[in-house]
Amino acid sequence: MRALYAEHLAGIRKTIPRMQRRASAAEAVAGAVERALSAARPRARYLVGADAYSQVAIGAALQIGRAHV
């Protein structure tokens, strides 16, 4: 069974250090949690870090593109 997933596991092991380097600082995450807990009307989601904003922008662009298909 291990041989079946060996290639995927190797890829994940290569990806983990890159993800750790790009992770948001704990202080930034704590700030978002503090804003959520102290907000009179908290939002469902809080974005933290440049990657989160990029993902939202890409997702919005893909939705716009899908509307024209």
C-alpha atoms as a PDB file:
ATOM      1  CA  MET A   1       0.000   0.000   0.000  1.00  0.00           C
ATOM      2  CA  ARG A   2       2.829   2.384   0.838  1.00  0.00           C
ATOM      3  CA  ALA A   3       4.342   1.955  -2.631  1.00  0.00           C
ATOM      4  CA  LEU A   4       1.037   2.976  -4.174  1.00  0.00           C
ATOM      5  CA  TYR A   5       1.223   6.416  -2.530  1.00  0.00           C
ATOM      6  CA  ALA A   6       5.005   6.862  -2.431  1.00  0.00           C
ATOM      7  CA  GLU A   7       5.082   9.438  -5.232  1.00  0.00           C
ATOM      8  CA  HIS A   8       2.297  11.484  -3.659  1.00  0.00           C
ATOM      9  CA  LEU A   9       3.944  11.375  -0.242  1.00  0.00           C
ATOM     10  CA  ALA A  10       7.221  12.567  -1.736  1.00  0.00           C
ATOM     11  CA  GLY A  11       5.422  15.502  -3.343  1.00  0.00           C
ATOM     12  CA  ILE A  12       3.732  16.419  -0.084  1.00  0.00           C
ATOM     13  CA  ARG A  13       7.031  16.237   1.789  1.00  0.00           C
ATOM     14  CA  LYS A  14       8.540  18.667  -0.731  1.00  0.00           C
ATOM     15  CA  THR A  15       5.581  21.033  -0.414  1.00  0.00           C
ATOM     16  CA  ILE A  16       5.441  21.263   3.386  1.00  0.00           C
ATOM     17  CA  PRO A  17       8.603  23.399   3.867  1.00  0.00           C
ATOM     18  CA  ARG A  18       7.429  25.836   1.184  1.00  0.00           C
ATOM     19  CA  MET A  19       4.035  26.138   2.869  1.00  0.00           C
ATOM     20  CA  GLN A  20       5.691  26.721   6.227  1.00  0.00           C
ATOM     21  CA  ARG A  21       7.816  29.548   4.803  1.00  0.00           C
ATOM     22  CA  ARG A  22       4.765  31.227   3.268  1.00  0.00           C
ATOM     23  CA  ALA A  23       2.517  30.849   6.315  1.00  0.00           C
ATOM     24  CA  SER A  24       1.164  33.978   7.958  1.00  0.00           C
ATOM     25  CA  ALA A  25       2.774  35.172  11.153  1.00  0.00           C
ATOM     26  CA  ALA A  26       1.077  34.065  14.348  1.00  0.00           C
ATOM     27  CA  GLU A  27       0.603  37.728  15.312  1.00  0.00           C
ATOM     28  CA  ALA A  28      -1.381  38.392  12.119  1.00  0.00           C
ATOM     29  CA  VAL A  29      -3.632  35.405  12.761  1.00  0.00           C
ATOM     30  CA  ALA A  30      -4.098  36.429  16.401  1.00  0.00           C
ATOM     31  CA  GLY A  31      -5.062  39.929  15.237  1.00  0.00           C
ATOM     32  CA  ALA A  32      -7.750  38.510  12.960  1.00  0.00           C
ATOM     33  CA  VAL A  33      -9.079  36.330  15.783  1.00  0.00           C
ATOM     34  CA  GLU A  34      -9.144  39.343  18.108  1.00  0.00           C
ATOM     35  CA  ARG A  35     -11.070  41.409  15.536  1.00  0.00           C
ATOM     36  CA  ALA A  36     -13.551  38.563  15.068  1.00  0.00           C
ATOM     37  CA  LEU A  37     -14.097  38.095  18.794  1.00  0.00           C
ATOM     38  CA  SER A  38     -14.505  41.793  19.536  1.00  0.00           C
ATOM     39  CA  ALA A  39     -16.617  42.737  16.487  1.00  0.00           C
ATOM     40  CA  ALA A  40     -20.225  43.706  17.109  1.00  0.00           C
ATOM     41  CA  ARG A  41     -21.167  41.900  13.903  1.00  0.00           C
ATOM     42  CA  PRO A  42     -18.417  39.392  13.101  1.00  0.00           C
ATOM     43  CA  ARG A  43     -17.961  38.215   9.542  1.00  0.00           C
ATOM     44  CA  ALA A  44     -18.018  34.576   8.496  1.00  0.00           C
ATOM     45  CA  ARG A  45     -14.433  34.766   7.212  1.00  0.00           C
ATOM     46  CA  TYR A  46     -11.376  36.875   7.897  1.00  0.00           C
ATOM     47  CA  LEU A  47      -8.498  36.983   5.446  1.00  0.00           C
ATOM     48  CA  VAL A  48      -4.964  36.810   6.795  1.00  0.00           C
ATOM     49  CA  GLY A  49      -1.890  37.179   4.613  1.00  0.00           C
ATOM     50  CA  ALA A  50      -1.241  37.939   0.963  1.00  0.00           C
ATOM     51  CA  ASP A  51      -2.013  34.377  -0.123  1.00  0.00           C
ATOM     52  CA  ALA A  52      -5.562  34.628   1.197  1.00  0.00           C
ATOM     53  CA  TYR A  53      -6.217  37.838  -0.709  1.00  0.00           C
ATOM     54  CA  SER A  54      -4.713  36.320  -3.865  1.00  0.00           C
ATOM     55  CA  GLN A  55      -6.958  33.281  -3.594  1.00  0.00           C
ATOM     56  CA  VAL A  56     -10.038  35.465  -3.245  1.00  0.00           C
ATOM     57  CA  ALA A  57      -9.044  37.532  -6.284  1.00  0.00           C
ATOM     58  CA  ILE A  58      -8.394  34.430  -8.373  1.00  0.00           C
ATOM     59  CA  GLY A  59     -11.662  32.876  -7.262  1.00  0.00           C
ATOM     60  CA  ALA A  60     -13.561  36.039  -8.168  1.00  0.00           C
ATOM     61  CA  ALA A  61     -11.891  36.150 -11.588  1.00  0.00           C
ATOM     62  CA  LEU A  62     -12.798  32.526 -12.228  1.00  0.00           C
ATOM     63  CA  GLN A  63     -16.413  33.191 -11.253  1.00  0.00           C
ATOM     64  CA  ILE A  64     -16.563  36.147 -13.640  1.00  0.00           C
ATOM     65  CA  GLY A  65     -15.119  34.014 -16.415  1.00  0.00           C
ATOM     66  CA  ARG A  66     -17.627  31.266 -15.701  1.00  0.00           C
ATOM     67  CA  ALA A  67     -20.562  33.686 -16.026  1.00  0.00           C
ATOM     68  CA  HIS A  68     -19.735  34.252 -19.710  1.00  0.00           C
ATOM     69  CA  VAL A  69     -19.602  30.568 -20.628  1.00  0.00           C
END
